[in-house]
Protein backbone atom coordinates (compact mmCIF):
# COMPACT_ATOMS: atom_id res chain seq x y z
CA MET A 1 90.28 104.61 120.00
CA ALA A 2 90.56 100.87 119.80
CA GLU A 3 91.21 99.18 123.19
CA LEU A 4 94.35 97.38 121.68
CA LYS A 5 95.84 100.70 120.31
CA ALA A 6 95.21 102.26 123.65
CA ARG A 7 97.12 99.59 125.25
CA LEU A 8 100.02 99.70 122.79
CA LYS A 9 100.30 103.35 123.60
CA ALA A 10 100.24 102.83 127.26
CA ASP A 11 102.72 99.99 127.19
CA MET A 12 105.08 102.16 124.76
CA ILE A 13 105.11 104.95 127.53
CA THR A 14 105.81 102.34 130.18
CA ALA A 15 108.77 101.06 128.06
CA LEU A 16 109.90 104.71 127.54
CA LYS A 17 110.04 105.31 131.34
CA ALA A 18 111.82 101.84 131.99
CA LYS A 19 114.25 102.64 129.26
CA ASP A 20 113.43 99.20 127.47
CA LYS A 21 114.91 99.96 124.09
CA ILE A 22 113.60 96.87 122.25
CA VAL A 23 110.04 97.25 123.60
CA LEU A 24 109.91 100.88 122.99
CA ASP A 25 111.30 100.62 119.37
CA THR A 26 108.96 97.81 118.57
CA LEU A 27 105.88 99.51 119.87
CA ARG A 28 106.76 102.62 118.08
CA MET A 29 107.08 100.55 114.76
CA ALA A 30 103.70 98.92 115.48
CA LEU A 31 101.95 101.95 116.25
CA THR A 32 103.41 103.79 113.25
CA ALA A 33 102.15 100.76 111.19
CA VAL A 34 98.62 101.11 112.63
CA GLY A 35 98.57 104.93 111.99
CA ALA A 36 99.79 104.26 108.13
CA GLU A 37 96.95 101.79 107.98
CA GLU A 38 94.45 104.26 109.37
CA VAL A 39 95.33 106.96 106.85
CA ALA A 40 95.75 104.41 103.73
CA GLY A 41 92.95 104.55 101.26
CA LYS A 42 90.65 107.49 100.32
CA GLN A 43 89.66 108.56 103.71
CA ALA A 44 91.15 108.32 107.22
CA ARG A 45 89.59 105.95 109.62
CA GLU A 46 89.91 104.66 113.02
CA LEU A 47 90.77 100.95 113.02
CA SER A 48 88.99 98.31 115.12
CA ASP A 49 90.80 95.95 117.48
CA ASP A 50 90.53 93.19 114.86
CA GLU A 51 92.17 95.45 112.26
CA VAL A 52 94.87 96.39 114.61
CA LEU A 53 95.43 92.74 115.25
CA LYS A 54 95.83 92.10 111.44
CA VAL A 55 98.34 94.89 111.32
CA LEU A 56 100.27 93.50 114.38
CA ALA A 57 100.23 89.90 112.85
CA ARG A 58 101.71 91.33 109.54
CA GLU A 59 104.34 93.07 111.35
CA ALA A 60 105.13 89.99 113.53
CA LYS A 61 105.37 87.82 110.20
CA LYS A 62 107.70 90.41 108.75
CA ARG A 63 109.93 90.21 111.89
CA LYS A 64 109.99 86.29 111.57
CA GLU A 65 111.03 86.44 107.73
CA SER A 66 113.59 88.95 108.45
CA ALA A 67 115.16 87.06 111.28
CA GLU A 68 115.33 83.88 109.05
CA ALA A 69 116.96 86.04 106.22
CA PHE A 70 119.44 87.65 108.50
CA ALA A 71 120.37 84.20 110.12
CA ALA A 72 120.79 82.62 106.54
CA ALA A 73 123.08 85.58 105.68
CA GLY A 74 125.23 84.94 108.76
CA ARG A 75 123.89 88.32 110.50
CA ASP A 76 123.19 86.77 113.82
CA GLU A 77 123.03 90.13 115.91
CA LEU A 78 120.30 91.34 113.38
CA ALA A 79 118.56 88.20 113.48
CA THR A 80 118.33 88.22 117.30
CA LYS A 81 117.07 91.65 117.28
CA GLU A 82 114.31 90.80 114.66
CA ARG A 83 113.45 87.73 116.97
CA ALA A 84 113.18 89.93 120.04
CA GLU A 85 110.96 92.20 118.28
CA GLY A 86 108.64 89.43 117.13
CA GLU A 87 108.39 88.28 120.60
CA VAL A 88 107.30 91.77 121.87
CA LEU A 89 104.65 91.67 118.98
CA SER A 90 103.42 88.20 119.78
CA ALA A 91 102.55 89.23 123.25
CA TYR A 92 99.76 91.28 121.78
CA LEU A 93 98.51 88.55 119.37
CA PRO A 94 95.90 85.72 120.23
CA LYS A 95 97.52 82.56 121.16
CA GLN A 96 98.15 80.26 118.09
CA LEU A 97 96.13 77.16 117.40
CA SER A 98 97.67 73.88 117.80
CA ASP A 99 97.69 71.40 115.04
CA GLU A 100 95.09 69.31 116.58
CA GLU A 101 92.80 72.58 117.16
CA LEU A 102 93.52 73.67 113.58
CA THR A 103 92.72 70.21 112.18
CA ALA A 104 89.38 70.29 113.99
CA VAL A 105 88.48 73.83 112.83
CA VAL A 106 89.41 72.94 109.19
CA ARG A 107 87.28 69.74 109.34
CA GLU A 108 84.40 71.83 110.65
CA ALA A 109 84.71 74.28 107.77
CA LEU A 110 85.06 71.31 105.34
CA ALA A 111 81.81 69.81 106.72
CA GLU A 112 80.05 73.25 106.17
CA VAL A 113 81.16 73.63 102.58
CA THR A 114 80.23 69.90 102.01
CA GLU A 115 76.56 70.70 103.20
CA GLN A 116 76.66 73.86 100.90
CA VAL A 117 77.67 72.18 97.70
CA GLY A 118 75.81 68.86 98.45
CA GLY A 119 79.01 66.47 98.22
CA LYS A 120 82.63 66.57 98.92
CA PRO A 121 84.32 69.52 97.66
CA SER A 122 86.87 69.24 94.94
CA PRO A 123 90.49 70.75 95.04
CA LYS A 124 88.89 73.58 92.79
CA GLN A 125 86.72 74.64 95.56
CA MET A 126 89.65 75.14 98.01
CA GLY A 127 88.68 78.87 98.06
CA GLN A 128 85.47 78.13 99.63
CA VAL A 129 86.91 75.92 102.20
CA MET A 130 89.79 78.59 102.90
CA LYS A 131 87.18 81.31 103.29
CA ALA A 132 85.08 79.35 105.84
CA ALA A 133 88.29 78.16 107.79
CA ASN A 134 89.70 81.54 107.90
CA THR A 135 86.74 83.07 109.34
CA LYS A 136 86.82 80.39 112.13
CA VAL A 137 90.56 80.88 112.66
CA ALA A 138 90.41 84.53 112.87
CA GLY A 139 94.04 85.24 113.12
CA ARG A 140 94.96 82.36 115.44
CA ALA A 141 96.98 80.46 112.72
CA GLU A 142 98.95 81.57 109.65
CA GLY A 143 97.26 81.25 106.37
CA GLY A 144 99.96 78.95 105.05
CA ARG A 145 99.28 76.38 107.74
CA VAL A 146 95.69 76.55 106.96
CA ALA A 147 96.30 76.33 103.32
CA THR A 148 98.45 73.26 103.63
CA LEU A 149 95.88 71.49 105.79
CA VAL A 150 92.96 72.32 103.56
CA LYS A 151 94.80 71.17 100.40
CA ALA A 152 95.66 67.86 102.23
CA MET A 153 92.04 67.24 103.28
CA LEU A 154 90.59 68.02 99.96
CA SER A 155 93.08 65.68 98.19
CA GLN A 156 92.10 62.72 100.40
């Protein structure tokens, strides 16, 4: 079993004993999402820690988007609940890169692609730069932030 999945289960049991409803419900939801991912596809498999992290990041993003939608609709109690669930999930995710750190990583990826293609990449080669940047970022920044920065650097 993946170490992160085992940690989620242990923390869920702790939350159950402590009667912490928000943490308990959030971790149950996260483990359900991990379980669904494990049985998705043609054959059931055990997820690695990196794959579990991707599932948790996806769930955290859903909570953030839901909170924004509920807040915009004037449903503050539901928005607060979604934000609390997002905070629980964010405790299991790697620390997000600052803007300066992300800029440095994207510059590094841009330099690699420049070396590969033998000149400054054009905006048409954004996919190559994104692929290189995303492997370096490895879940420590949202794809939208990375894409915006890559697009800005390519258009300079």
